[in-house]
Amino acid sequence: MRAVLTALDDAKAENVVSIELAGKTTIADAMMIATGRSNTHVGAIADRVLKACKAAGVASPRIEGLPNCDWVLVDAGDVIIHVFRPDVRAFYNLEKMWGGDRPSEAATSDRTAF
């Protein structure tokens, strides 16, 4: 979603990564991960993303984590956006969990048990 990328850029989000989820899960088509420098920055980024989603026609994007702002999740339907503080992002390491080296569902079902 171009509007989300623009909002992340405008809010000075750092280390923005987009991960294609097609074929890996049915929860969304893509996931975007970004970093904010502080809790205040994370909250400001999430607020800008939320406004961009609404302006792009997402009826009611869901948001979680705003009270603490160490990790905010915005569920915009086809796209899920995670905004982290650097230490929280490193701890959860979603890029590794959902990245290209993640086995597909077909590959894991082909394995035989020993």
PDB file of N, CA and C in Angstrom:
ATOM      1  N   MET A   1       0.849  -1.170   0.000  1.00  0.00           N
ATOM      2  CA  MET A   1       0.000   0.000   0.000  1.00  0.00           C
ATOM      3  C   MET A   1       0.900   1.239   0.000  1.00  0.00           C
ATOM      4  N   ARG A   2       0.838   1.968  -1.066  1.00  0.00           N
ATOM      5  CA  ARG A   2       1.687   3.146  -1.261  1.00  0.00           C
ATOM      6  C   ARG A   2       1.458   4.194  -0.174  1.00  0.00           C
ATOM      7  N   ALA A   3       0.211   4.385   0.264  1.00  0.00           N
ATOM      8  CA  ALA A   3      -0.098   5.394   1.277  1.00  0.00           C
ATOM      9  C   ALA A   3       0.613   5.099   2.590  1.00  0.00           C
ATOM     10  N   VAL A   4       0.716   3.826   2.945  1.00  0.00           N
ATOM     11  CA  VAL A   4       1.400   3.445   4.185  1.00  0.00           C
ATOM     12  C   VAL A   4       2.889   3.740   4.075  1.00  0.00           C
ATOM     13  N   LEU A   5       3.496   3.382   2.948  1.00  0.00           N
ATOM     14  CA  LEU A   5       4.925   3.657   2.756  1.00  0.00           C
ATOM     15  C   LEU A   5       5.207   5.160   2.809  1.00  0.00           C
ATOM     16  N   THR A   6       4.332   5.949   2.214  1.00  0.00           N
ATOM     17  CA  THR A   6       4.495   7.405   2.250  1.00  0.00           C
ATOM     18  C   THR A   6       4.384   7.916   3.677  1.00  0.00           C
ATOM     19  N   ALA A   7       3.407   7.402   4.427  1.00  0.00           N
ATOM     20  CA  ALA A   7       3.232   7.821   5.824  1.00  0.00           C
ATOM     21  C   ALA A   7       4.455   7.453   6.665  1.00  0.00           C
ATOM     22  N   LEU A   8       4.998   6.248   6.449  1.00  0.00           N
ATOM     23  CA  LEU A   8       6.191   5.832   7.190  1.00  0.00           C
ATOM     24  C   LEU A   8       7.371   6.742   6.862  1.00  0.00           C
ATOM     25  N   ASP A   9       7.508   7.084   5.592  1.00  0.00           N
ATOM     26  CA  ASP A   9       8.594   7.963   5.160  1.00  0.00           C
ATOM     27  C   ASP A   9       8.413   9.372   5.741  1.00  0.00           C
ATOM     28  N   ASP A  10       7.205   9.902   5.667  1.00  0.00           N
ATOM     29  CA  ASP A  10       6.925  11.239   6.191  1.00  0.00           C
ATOM     30  C   ASP A  10       7.183  11.335   7.691  1.00  0.00           C
ATOM     31  N   ALA A  11       6.942  10.241   8.409  1.00  0.00           N
ATOM     32  CA  ALA A  11       7.122  10.223   9.863  1.00  0.00           C
ATOM     33  C   ALA A  11       8.558   9.873  10.259  1.00  0.00           C
ATOM     34  N   LYS A  12       9.429   9.744   9.280  1.00  0.00           N
ATOM     35  CA  LYS A  12      10.853   9.437   9.521  1.00  0.00           C
ATOM     36  C   LYS A  12      11.052   8.084  10.192  1.00  0.00           C
ATOM     37  N   ALA A  13      10.202   7.109   9.832  1.00  0.00           N
ATOM     38  CA  ALA A  13      10.384   5.738  10.326  1.00  0.00           C
ATOM     39  C   ALA A  13      11.706   5.201   9.785  1.00  0.00           C
ATOM     40  N   GLU A  14      12.367   4.379  10.561  1.00  0.00           N
ATOM     41  CA  GLU A  14      13.671   3.846  10.180  1.00  0.00           C
ATOM     42  C   GLU A  14      13.567   2.362   9.858  1.00  0.00           C
ATOM     43  N   ASN A  15      14.502   1.890   9.028  1.00  0.00           N
ATOM     44  CA  ASN A  15      14.623   0.457   8.707  1.00  0.00           C
ATOM     45  C   ASN A  15      13.299  -0.165   8.289  1.00  0.00           C
ATOM     46  N   VAL A  16      12.615   0.446   7.357  1.00  0.00           N
ATOM     47  CA  VAL A  16      11.321  -0.049   6.889  1.00  0.00           C
ATOM     48  C   VAL A  16      11.551  -1.277   6.004  1.00  0.00           C
ATOM     49  N   VAL A  17      10.827  -2.350   6.323  1.00  0.00           N
ATOM     50  CA  VAL A  17      10.920  -3.601   5.580  1.00  0.00           C
ATOM     51  C   VAL A  17       9.506  -4.018   5.198  1.00  0.00           C
ATOM     52  N   SER A  18       9.335  -4.466   3.962  1.00  0.00           N
ATOM     53  CA  SER A  18       8.060  -5.000   3.509  1.00  0.00           C
ATOM     54  C   SER A  18       8.243  -6.482   3.210  1.00  0.00           C
ATOM     55  N   ILE A  19       7.360  -7.311   3.759  1.00  0.00           N
ATOM     56  CA  ILE A  19       7.444  -8.758   3.580  1.00  0.00           C
ATOM     57  C   ILE A  19       6.169  -9.242   2.912  1.00  0.00           C
ATOM     58  N   GLU A  20       6.318  -9.930   1.815  1.00  0.00           N
ATOM     59  CA  GLU A  20       5.189 -10.522   1.092  1.00  0.00           C
ATOM     60  C   GLU A  20       4.729 -11.757   1.870  1.00  0.00           C
ATOM     61  N   LEU A  21       3.441 -11.835   2.185  1.00  0.00           N
ATOM     62  CA  LEU A  21       2.911 -12.950   2.976  1.00  0.00           C
ATOM     63  C   LEU A  21       2.101 -13.943   2.155  1.00  0.00           C
ATOM     64  N   ALA A  22       1.877 -13.634   0.887  1.00  0.00           N
ATOM     65  CA  ALA A  22       1.098 -14.534   0.028  1.00  0.00           C
ATOM     66  C   ALA A  22       1.740 -15.921   0.020  1.00  0.00           C
ATOM     67  N   GLY A  23       0.947 -16.948   0.281  1.00  0.00           N
ATOM     68  CA  GLY A  23       1.439 -18.317   0.308  1.00  0.00           C
ATOM     69  C   GLY A  23       2.013 -18.736   1.655  1.00  0.00           C
ATOM     70  N   LYS A  24       2.194 -17.781   2.561  1.00  0.00           N
ATOM     71  CA  LYS A  24       2.732 -18.093   3.885  1.00  0.00           C
ATOM     72  C   LYS A  24       1.643 -18.109   4.954  1.00  0.00           C
ATOM     73  N   THR A  25       0.612 -17.281   4.744  1.00  0.00           N
ATOM     74  CA  THR A  25      -0.482 -17.182   5.701  1.00  0.00           C
ATOM     75  C   THR A  25      -1.690 -16.540   5.015  1.00  0.00           C
ATOM     76  N   THR A  26      -2.840 -16.670   5.633  1.00  0.00           N
ATOM     77  CA  THR A  26      -4.051 -16.055   5.095  1.00  0.00           C
ATOM     78  C   THR A  26      -4.426 -14.791   5.857  1.00  0.00           C
ATOM     79  N   ILE A  27      -3.641 -14.379   6.843  1.00  0.00           N
ATOM     80  CA  ILE A  27      -4.007 -13.223   7.662  1.00  0.00           C
ATOM     81  C   ILE A  27      -3.869 -11.897   6.919  1.00  0.00           C
ATOM     82  N   ALA A  28      -2.966 -11.833   5.942  1.00  0.00           N
ATOM     83  CA  ALA A  28      -2.753 -10.601   5.176  1.00  0.00           C
ATOM     84  C   ALA A  28      -1.914 -10.928   3.949  1.00  0.00           C
ATOM     85  N   ASP A  29      -1.865  -9.971   3.020  1.00  0.00           N
ATOM     86  CA  ASP A  29      -1.047 -10.139   1.819  1.00  0.00           C
ATOM     87  C   ASP A  29       0.377  -9.634   2.012  1.00  0.00           C
ATOM     88  N   ALA A  30       0.530  -8.660   2.921  1.00  0.00           N
ATOM     89  CA  ALA A  30       1.856  -8.084   3.159  1.00  0.00           C
ATOM     90  C   ALA A  30       1.972  -7.613   4.602  1.00  0.00           C
ATOM     91  N   MET A  31       3.217  -7.532   5.049  1.00  0.00           N
ATOM     92  CA  MET A  31       3.521  -7.029   6.376  1.00  0.00           C
ATOM     93  C   MET A  31       4.622  -5.981   6.224  1.00  0.00           C
ATOM     94  N   MET A  32       4.448  -4.868   6.900  1.00  0.00           N
ATOM     95  CA  MET A  32       5.479  -3.841   6.919  1.00  0.00           C
ATOM     96  C   MET A  32       5.973  -3.696   8.341  1.00  0.00           C
ATOM     97  N   ILE A  33       7.281  -3.588   8.468  1.00  0.00           N
ATOM     98  CA  ILE A  33       7.904  -3.450   9.781  1.00  0.00           C
ATOM     99  C   ILE A  33       8.762  -2.195   9.745  1.00  0.00           C
ATOM    100  N   ALA A  34       8.641  -1.370  10.790  1.00  0.00           N
ATOM    101  CA  ALA A  34       9.399  -0.125  10.854  1.00  0.00           C
ATOM    102  C   ALA A  34       9.845   0.123  12.292  1.00  0.00           C
ATOM    103  N   THR A  35      10.828   0.994  12.442  1.00  0.00           N
ATOM    104  CA  THR A  35      11.361   1.320  13.758  1.00  0.00           C
ATOM    105  C   THR A  35      11.202   2.807  14.021  1.00  0.00           C
ATOM    106  N   GLY A  36      10.833   3.115  15.257  1.00  0.00           N
ATOM    107  CA  GLY A  36      10.824   4.486  15.750  1.00  0.00           C
ATOM    108  C   GLY A  36      11.892   4.626  16.822  1.00  0.00           C
ATOM    109  N   ARG A  37      12.449   5.806  16.967  1.00  0.00           N
ATOM    110  CA  ARG A  37      13.576   6.005  17.885  1.00  0.00           C
ATOM    111  C   ARG A  37      13.191   5.982  19.358  1.00  0.00           C
ATOM    112  N   SER A  38      11.940   6.270  19.677  1.00  0.00           N
ATOM    113  CA  SER A  38      11.484   6.339  21.070  1.00  0.00           C
ATOM    114  C   SER A  38      10.000   5.978  21.110  1.00  0.00           C
ATOM    115  N   ASN A  39       9.457   5.856  22.313  1.00  0.00           N
ATOM    116  CA  ASN A  39       8.030   5.574  22.444  1.00  0.00           C
ATOM    117  C   ASN A  39       7.198   6.671  21.779  1.00  0.00           C
ATOM    118  N   THR A  40       7.610   7.915  21.946  1.00  0.00           N
ATOM    119  CA  THR A  40       6.888   9.035  21.345  1.00  0.00           C
ATOM    120  C   THR A  40       6.941   8.949  19.829  1.00  0.00           C
ATOM    121  N   HIS A  41       8.102   8.621  19.288  1.00  0.00           N
ATOM    122  CA  HIS A  41       8.248   8.500  17.833  1.00  0.00           C
ATOM    123  C   HIS A  41       7.413   7.335  17.304  1.00  0.00           C
ATOM    124  N   VAL A  42       7.419   6.207  18.005  1.00  0.00           N
ATOM    125  CA  VAL A  42       6.606   5.050  17.598  1.00  0.00           C
ATOM    126  C   VAL A  42       5.132   5.447  17.550  1.00  0.00           C
ATOM    127  N   GLY A  43       4.654   6.150  18.572  1.00  0.00           N
ATOM    128  CA  GLY A  43       3.262   6.594  18.604  1.00  0.00           C
ATOM    129  C   GLY A  43       2.930   7.550  17.471  1.00  0.00           C
ATOM    130  N   ALA A  44       3.845   8.461  17.162  1.00  0.00           N
ATOM    131  CA  ALA A  44       3.626   9.422  16.077  1.00  0.00           C
ATOM    132  C   ALA A  44       3.592   8.721  14.720  1.00  0.00           C
ATOM    133  N   ILE A  45       4.486   7.748  14.521  1.00  0.00           N
ATOM    134  CA  ILE A  45       4.494   6.978  13.273  1.00  0.00           C
ATOM    135  C   ILE A  45       3.172   6.228  13.122  1.00  0.00           C
ATOM    136  N   ALA A  46       2.761   5.545  14.191  1.00  0.00           N
ATOM    137  CA  ALA A  46       1.518   4.765  14.150  1.00  0.00           C
ATOM    138  C   ALA A  46       0.317   5.659  13.862  1.00  0.00           C
ATOM    139  N   ASP A  47       0.287   6.835  14.453  1.00  0.00           N
ATOM    140  CA  ASP A  47      -0.815   7.774  14.227  1.00  0.00           C
ATOM    141  C   ASP A  47      -0.860   8.206  12.761  1.00  0.00           C
ATOM    142  N   ARG A  48       0.288   8.482  12.184  1.00  0.00           N
ATOM    143  CA  ARG A  48       0.344   8.895  10.773  1.00  0.00           C
ATOM    144  C   ARG A  48      -0.084   7.745   9.859  1.00  0.00           C
ATOM    145  N   VAL A  49       0.340   6.519  10.194  1.00  0.00           N
ATOM    146  CA  VAL A  49      -0.056   5.343   9.407  1.00  0.00           C
ATOM    147  C   VAL A  49      -1.568   5.138   9.487  1.00  0.00           C
ATOM    148  N   LEU A  50      -2.114   5.273  10.677  1.00  0.00           N
ATOM    149  CA  LEU A  50      -3.554   5.120  10.877  1.00  0.00           C
ATOM    150  C   LEU A  50      -4.333   6.137  10.030  1.00  0.00           C
ATOM    151  N   LYS A  51      -3.898   7.386  10.035  1.00  0.00           N
ATOM    152  CA  LYS A  51      -4.555   8.425   9.238  1.00  0.00           C
ATOM    153  C   LYS A  51      -4.434   8.122   7.744  1.00  0.00           C
ATOM    154  N   ALA A  52      -3.276   7.619   7.317  1.00  0.00           N
ATOM    155  CA  ALA A  52      -3.078   7.279   5.905  1.00  0.00           C
ATOM    156  C   ALA A  52      -3.992   6.128   5.486  1.00  0.00           C
ATOM    157  N   CYS A  53      -4.159   5.165   6.366  1.00  0.00           N
ATOM    158  CA  CYS A  53      -5.052   4.034   6.067  1.00  0.00           C
ATOM    159  C   CYS A  53      -6.489   4.521   5.899  1.00  0.00           C
ATOM    160  N   LYS A  54      -6.926   5.364   6.806  1.00  0.00           N
ATOM    161  CA  LYS A  54      -8.288   5.893   6.714  1.00  0.00           C
ATOM    162  C   LYS A  54      -8.474   6.721   5.456  1.00  0.00           C
ATOM    163  N   ALA A  55      -7.465   7.540   5.112  1.00  0.00           N
ATOM    164  CA  ALA A  55      -7.540   8.362   3.903  1.00  0.00           C
ATOM    165  C   ALA A  55      -7.553   7.504   2.643  1.00  0.00           C
ATOM    166  N   ALA A  56      -6.932   6.320   2.711  1.00  0.00           N
ATOM    167  CA  ALA A  56      -6.887   5.411   1.558  1.00  0.00           C
ATOM    168  C   ALA A  56      -8.140   4.554   1.456  1.00  0.00           C
ATOM    169  N   GLY A  57      -9.067   4.718   2.399  1.00  0.00           N
ATOM    170  CA  GLY A  57     -10.337   4.010   2.309  1.00  0.00           C
ATOM    171  C   GLY A  57     -10.453   2.757   3.150  1.00  0.00           C
ATOM    172  N   VAL A  58      -9.484   2.491   4.003  1.00  0.00           N
ATOM    173  CA  VAL A  58      -9.614   1.348   4.917  1.00  0.00           C
ATOM    174  C   VAL A  58     -10.657   1.752   5.950  1.00  0.00           C
ATOM    175  N   ALA A  59     -11.770   1.022   5.962  1.00  0.00           N
ATOM    176  CA  ALA A  59     -12.941   1.419   6.752  1.00  0.00           C
ATOM    177  C   ALA A  59     -12.621   1.630   8.232  1.00  0.00           C
ATOM    178  N   SER A  60     -12.082   0.645   8.870  1.00  0.00           N
ATOM    179  CA  SER A  60     -11.778   0.783  10.298  1.00  0.00           C
ATOM    180  C   SER A  60     -10.534  -0.031  10.638  1.00  0.00           C
ATOM    181  N   PRO A  61      -9.363   0.531  10.369  1.00  0.00           N
ATOM    182  CA  PRO A  61      -8.137  -0.193  10.720  1.00  0.00           C
ATOM    183  C   PRO A  61      -8.073  -0.403  12.228  1.00  0.00           C
ATOM    184  N   ARG A  62      -7.629  -1.588  12.616  1.00  0.00           N
ATOM    185  CA  ARG A  62      -7.499  -1.896  14.046  1.00  0.00           C
ATOM    186  C   ARG A  62      -6.086  -1.558  14.483  1.00  0.00           C
ATOM    187  N   ILE A  63      -5.968  -1.091  15.716  1.00  0.00           N
ATOM    188  CA  ILE A  63      -4.666  -0.700  16.234  1.00  0.00           C
ATOM    189  C   ILE A  63      -4.506  -1.226  17.653  1.00  0.00           C
ATOM    190  N   GLU A  64      -3.324  -1.717  17.945  1.00  0.00           N
ATOM    191  CA  GLU A  64      -3.012  -2.222  19.286  1.00  0.00           C
ATOM    192  C   GLU A  64      -1.658  -1.695  19.715  1.00  0.00           C
ATOM    193  N   GLY A  65      -1.504  -1.444  21.003  1.00  0.00           N
ATOM    194  CA  GLY A  65      -0.222  -1.065  21.561  1.00  0.00           C
ATOM    195  C   GLY A  65      -0.003   0.419  21.754  1.00  0.00           C
ATOM    196  N   LEU A  66      -0.989   1.249  21.457  1.00  0.00           N
ATOM    197  CA  LEU A  66      -0.792   2.688  21.591  1.00  0.00           C
ATOM    198  C   LEU A  66      -0.536   3.159  23.024  1.00  0.00           C
ATOM    199  N   PRO A  67      -1.115   2.559  24.045  1.00  0.00           N
ATOM    200  CA  PRO A  67      -0.841   3.073  25.389  1.00  0.00           C
ATOM    201  C   PRO A  67       0.644   3.045  25.780  1.00  0.00           C
ATOM    202  N   ASN A  68       1.379   2.001  25.378  1.00  0.00           N
ATOM    203  CA  ASN A  68       2.793   1.895  25.749  1.00  0.00           C
ATOM    204  C   ASN A  68       3.732   2.393  24.663  1.00  0.00           C
ATOM    205  N   CYS A  69       3.355   2.195  23.412  1.00  0.00           N
ATOM    206  CA  CYS A  69       4.123   2.628  22.240  1.00  0.00           C
ATOM    207  C   CYS A  69       5.531   2.044  22.164  1.00  0.00           C
ATOM    208  N   ASP A  70       5.724   0.827  22.674  1.00  0.00           N
ATOM    209  CA  ASP A  70       7.003   0.165  22.412  1.00  0.00           C
ATOM    210  C   ASP A  70       6.866  -0.739  21.183  1.00  0.00           C
ATOM    211  N   TRP A  71       5.630  -1.181  20.914  1.00  0.00           N
ATOM    212  CA  TRP A  71       5.303  -1.950  19.714  1.00  0.00           C
ATOM    213  C   TRP A  71       3.853  -1.649  19.383  1.00  0.00           C
ATOM    214  N   VAL A  72       3.618  -1.054  18.252  1.00  0.00           N
ATOM    215  CA  VAL A  72       2.251  -0.743  17.824  1.00  0.00           C
ATOM    216  C   VAL A  72       1.967  -1.527  16.558  1.00  0.00           C
ATOM    217  N   LEU A  73       0.812  -2.174  16.532  1.00  0.00           N
ATOM    218  CA  LEU A  73       0.373  -2.948  15.377  1.00  0.00           C
ATOM    219  C   LEU A  73      -0.848  -2.256  14.777  1.00  0.00           C
ATOM    220  N   VAL A  74      -0.800  -2.048  13.461  1.00  0.00           N
ATOM    221  CA  VAL A  74      -1.950  -1.508  12.734  1.00  0.00           C
ATOM    222  C   VAL A  74      -2.373  -2.570  11.731  1.00  0.00           C
ATOM    223  N   ASP A  75      -3.610  -3.053  11.891  1.00  0.00           N
ATOM    224  CA  ASP A  75      -4.164  -4.059  10.986  1.00  0.00           C
ATOM    225  C   ASP A  75      -5.062  -3.340   9.987  1.00  0.00           C
ATOM    226  N   ALA A  76      -4.555  -3.219   8.759  1.00  0.00           N
ATOM    227  CA  ALA A  76      -5.297  -2.527   7.706  1.00  0.00           C
ATOM    228  C   ALA A  76      -5.900  -3.515   6.719  1.00  0.00           C
ATOM    229  N   GLY A  77      -6.226  -4.707   7.189  1.00  0.00           N
ATOM    230  CA  GLY A  77      -6.840  -5.715   6.323  1.00  0.00           C
ATOM    231  C   GLY A  77      -5.804  -6.490   5.542  1.00  0.00           C
ATOM    232  N   ASP A  78      -5.531  -6.065   4.322  1.00  0.00           N
ATOM    233  CA  ASP A  78      -4.564  -6.766   3.475  1.00  0.00           C
ATOM    234  C   ASP A  78      -3.115  -6.504   3.872  1.00  0.00           C
ATOM    235  N   VAL A  79      -2.905  -5.471   4.687  1.00  0.00           N
ATOM    236  CA  VAL A  79      -1.555  -5.111   5.113  1.00  0.00           C
ATOM    237  C   VAL A  79      -1.533  -4.965   6.631  1.00  0.00           C
ATOM    238  N   ILE A  80      -0.513  -5.545   7.246  1.00  0.00           N
ATOM    239  CA  ILE A  80      -0.307  -5.401   8.684  1.00  0.00           C
ATOM    240  C   ILE A  80       0.973  -4.594   8.865  1.00  0.00           C
ATOM    241  N   ILE A  81       0.895  -3.563   9.697  1.00  0.00           N
ATOM    242  CA  ILE A  81       2.047  -2.695   9.917  1.00  0.00           C
ATOM    243  C   ILE A  81       2.466  -2.804  11.382  1.00  0.00           C
ATOM    244  N   HIS A  82       3.751  -3.112  11.603  1.00  0.00           N
ATOM    245  CA  HIS A  82       4.331  -3.167  12.947  1.00  0.00           C
ATOM    246  C   HIS A  82       5.311  -2.011  13.070  1.00  0.00           C
ATOM    247  N   VAL A  83       5.184  -1.247  14.146  1.00  0.00           N
ATOM    248  CA  VAL A  83       6.135  -0.174  14.426  1.00  0.00           C
ATOM    249  C   VAL A  83       6.730  -0.456  15.804  1.00  0.00           C
ATOM    250  N   PHE A  84       8.051  -0.596  15.851  1.00  0.00           N
ATOM    251  CA  PHE A  84       8.754  -1.000  17.065  1.00  0.00           C
ATOM    252  C   PHE A  84       9.753   0.052  17.525  1.00  0.00           C
ATOM    253  N   ARG A  85      10.058   0.034  18.817  1.00  0.00           N
ATOM    254  CA  ARG A  85      11.293   0.635  19.311  1.00  0.00           C
ATOM    255  C   ARG A  85      12.412  -0.328  18.936  1.00  0.00           C
ATOM    256  N   PRO A  86      13.654   0.137  18.746  1.00  0.00           N
ATOM    257  CA  PRO A  86      14.727  -0.737  18.263  1.00  0.00           C
ATOM    258  C   PRO A  86      14.950  -2.003  19.089  1.00  0.00           C
ATOM    259  N   ASP A  87      14.952  -1.902  20.413  1.00  0.00           N
ATOM    260  CA  ASP A  87      15.216  -3.075  21.253  1.00  0.00           C
ATOM    261  C   ASP A  87      14.089  -4.100  21.172  1.00  0.00           C
ATOM    262  N   VAL A  88      12.868  -3.637  21.057  1.00  0.00           N
ATOM    263  CA  VAL A  88      11.716  -4.547  20.958  1.00  0.00           C
ATOM    264  C   VAL A  88      11.726  -5.243  19.599  1.00  0.00           C
ATOM    265  N   ARG A  89      12.071  -4.499  18.554  1.00  0.00           N
ATOM    266  CA  ARG A  89      12.150  -5.098  17.216  1.00  0.00           C
ATOM    267  C   ARG A  89      13.218  -6.188  17.179  1.00  0.00           C
ATOM    268  N   ALA A  90      14.349  -5.935  17.769  1.00  0.00           N
ATOM    269  CA  ALA A  90      15.432  -6.931  17.804  1.00  0.00           C
ATOM    270  C   ALA A  90      15.002  -8.170  18.585  1.00  0.00           C
ATOM    271  N   PHE A  91      14.263  -7.973  19.669  1.00  0.00           N
ATOM    272  CA  PHE A  91      13.821  -9.103  20.492  1.00  0.00           C
ATOM    273  C   PHE A  91      12.868 -10.018  19.716  1.00  0.00           C
ATOM    274  N   TYR A  92      11.871  -9.463  19.055  1.00  0.00           N
ATOM    275  CA  TYR A  92      10.877 -10.277  18.349  1.00  0.00           C
ATOM    276  C   TYR A  92      11.343 -10.742  16.974  1.00  0.00           C
ATOM    277  N   ASN A  93      12.190  -9.994  16.310  1.00  0.00           N
ATOM    278  CA  ASN A  93      12.824 -10.384  15.051  1.00  0.00           C
ATOM    279  C   ASN A  93      11.821 -10.973  14.043  1.00  0.00           C
ATOM    280  N   LEU A  94      10.777 -10.217  13.757  1.00  0.00           N
ATOM    281  CA  LEU A  94       9.741 -10.692  12.835  1.00  0.00           C
ATOM    282  C   LEU A  94      10.270 -10.939  11.427  1.00  0.00           C
ATOM    283  N   GLU A  95      11.302 -10.210  11.032  1.00  0.00           N
ATOM    284  CA  GLU A  95      11.870 -10.423   9.702  1.00  0.00           C
ATOM    285  C   GLU A  95      12.350 -11.857   9.545  1.00  0.00           C
ATOM    286  N   LYS A  96      12.979 -12.383  10.560  1.00  0.00           N
ATOM    287  CA  LYS A  96      13.464 -13.764  10.486  1.00  0.00           C
ATOM    288  C   LYS A  96      12.284 -14.741  10.489  1.00  0.00           C
ATOM    289  N   MET A  97      11.295 -14.456  11.329  1.00  0.00           N
ATOM    290  CA  MET A  97      10.143 -15.346  11.446  1.00  0.00           C
ATOM    291  C   MET A  97       9.333 -15.422  10.152  1.00  0.00           C
ATOM    292  N   TRP A  98       9.161 -14.281   9.465  1.00  0.00           N
ATOM    293  CA  TRP A  98       8.309 -14.221   8.284  1.00  0.00           C
ATOM    294  C   TRP A  98       9.063 -14.020   6.990  1.00  0.00           C
ATOM    295  N   GLY A  99      10.380 -13.914   7.045  1.00  0.00           N
ATOM    296  CA  GLY A  99      11.183 -13.613   5.868  1.00  0.00           C
ATOM    297  C   GLY A  99      11.265 -14.747   4.870  1.00  0.00           C
ATOM    298  N   GLY A 100      12.099 -14.553   3.856  1.00  0.00           N
ATOM    299  CA  GLY A 100      12.233 -15.485   2.744  1.00  0.00           C
ATOM    300  C   GLY A 100      12.741 -16.855   3.119  1.00  0.00           C
ATOM    301  N   ASP A 101      13.468 -16.977   4.235  1.00  0.00           N
ATOM    302  CA  ASP A 101      13.992 -18.284   4.599  1.00  0.00           C
ATOM    303  C   ASP A 101      12.978 -19.124   5.367  1.00  0.00           C
ATOM    304  N   ARG A 102      11.783 -18.587   5.559  1.00  0.00           N
ATOM    305  CA  ARG A 102      10.730 -19.332   6.252  1.00  0.00           C
ATOM    306  C   ARG A 102      10.215 -20.434   5.332  1.00  0.00           C
ATOM    307  N   PRO A 103      10.143 -21.681   5.825  1.00  0.00           N
ATOM    308  CA  PRO A 103       9.648 -22.765   4.973  1.00  0.00           C
ATOM    309  C   PRO A 103       8.176 -22.570   4.618  1.00  0.00           C
ATOM    310  N   SER A 104       7.816 -22.929   3.416  1.00  0.00           N
ATOM    311  CA  SER A 104       6.414 -22.827   3.014  1.00  0.00           C
ATOM    312  C   SER A 104       5.622 -23.971   3.631  1.00  0.00           C
ATOM    313  N   GLU A 105       4.310 -23.865   3.612  1.00  0.00           N
ATOM    314  CA  GLU A 105       3.469 -24.911   4.180  1.00  0.00           C
ATOM    315  C   GLU A 105       3.630 -26.218   3.413  1.00  0.00           C
ATOM    316  N   ALA A 106       3.815 -26.154   2.097  1.00  0.00           N
ATOM    317  CA  ALA A 106       3.986 -27.361   1.287  1.00  0.00           C
ATOM    318  C   ALA A 106       5.288 -28.072   1.636  1.00  0.00           C
ATOM    319  N   ALA A 107       6.357 -27.315   1.837  1.00  0.00           N
ATOM    320  CA  ALA A 107       7.660 -27.920   2.145  1.00  0.00           C
ATOM    321  C   ALA A 107       7.646 -28.609   3.502  1.00  0.00           C
ATOM    322  N   THR A 108       6.964 -28.040   4.491  1.00  0.00           N
ATOM    323  CA  THR A 108       6.947 -28.663   5.810  1.00  0.00           C
ATOM    324  C   THR A 108       6.082 -29.915   5.832  1.00  0.00           C
ATOM    325  N   SER A 109       5.077 -29.994   4.970  1.00  0.00           N
ATOM    326  CA  SER A 109       4.219 -31.187   4.960  1.00  0.00           C
ATOM    327  C   SER A 109       4.902 -32.361   4.231  1.00  0.00           C
ATOM    328  N   ASP A 110       5.944 -32.063   3.437  1.00  0.00           N
ATOM    329  CA  ASP A 110       6.662 -33.102   2.710  1.00  0.00           C
ATOM    330  C   ASP A 110       7.716 -33.801   3.567  1.00  0.00           C
ATOM    331  N   ARG A 111       8.024 -33.270   4.715  1.00  0.00           N
ATOM    332  CA  ARG A 111       9.062 -33.859   5.566  1.00  0.00           C
ATOM    333  C   ARG A 111       8.575 -35.176   6.168  1.00  0.00           C
ATOM    334  N   THR A 112       9.494 -36.098   6.310  1.00  0.00           N
ATOM    335  CA  THR A 112       9.138 -37.375   6.920  1.00  0.00           C
ATOM    336  C   THR A 112       9.679 -37.419   8.334  1.00  0.00           C
ATOM    337  N   ALA A 113       8.975 -38.092   9.203  1.00  0.00           N
ATOM    338  CA  ALA A 113       9.401 -38.207  10.608  1.00  0.00           C
ATOM    339  C   ALA A 113      10.413 -39.331  10.742  1.00  0.00           C
ATOM    340  N   PHE A 114      11.372 -39.131  11.603  1.00  0.00           N
ATOM    341  CA  PHE A 114      12.398 -40.158  11.850  1.00  0.00           C
ATOM    342  C   PHE A 114      12.056 -40.951  13.080  1.00  0.00           C
TER     343      PHE A 114
END
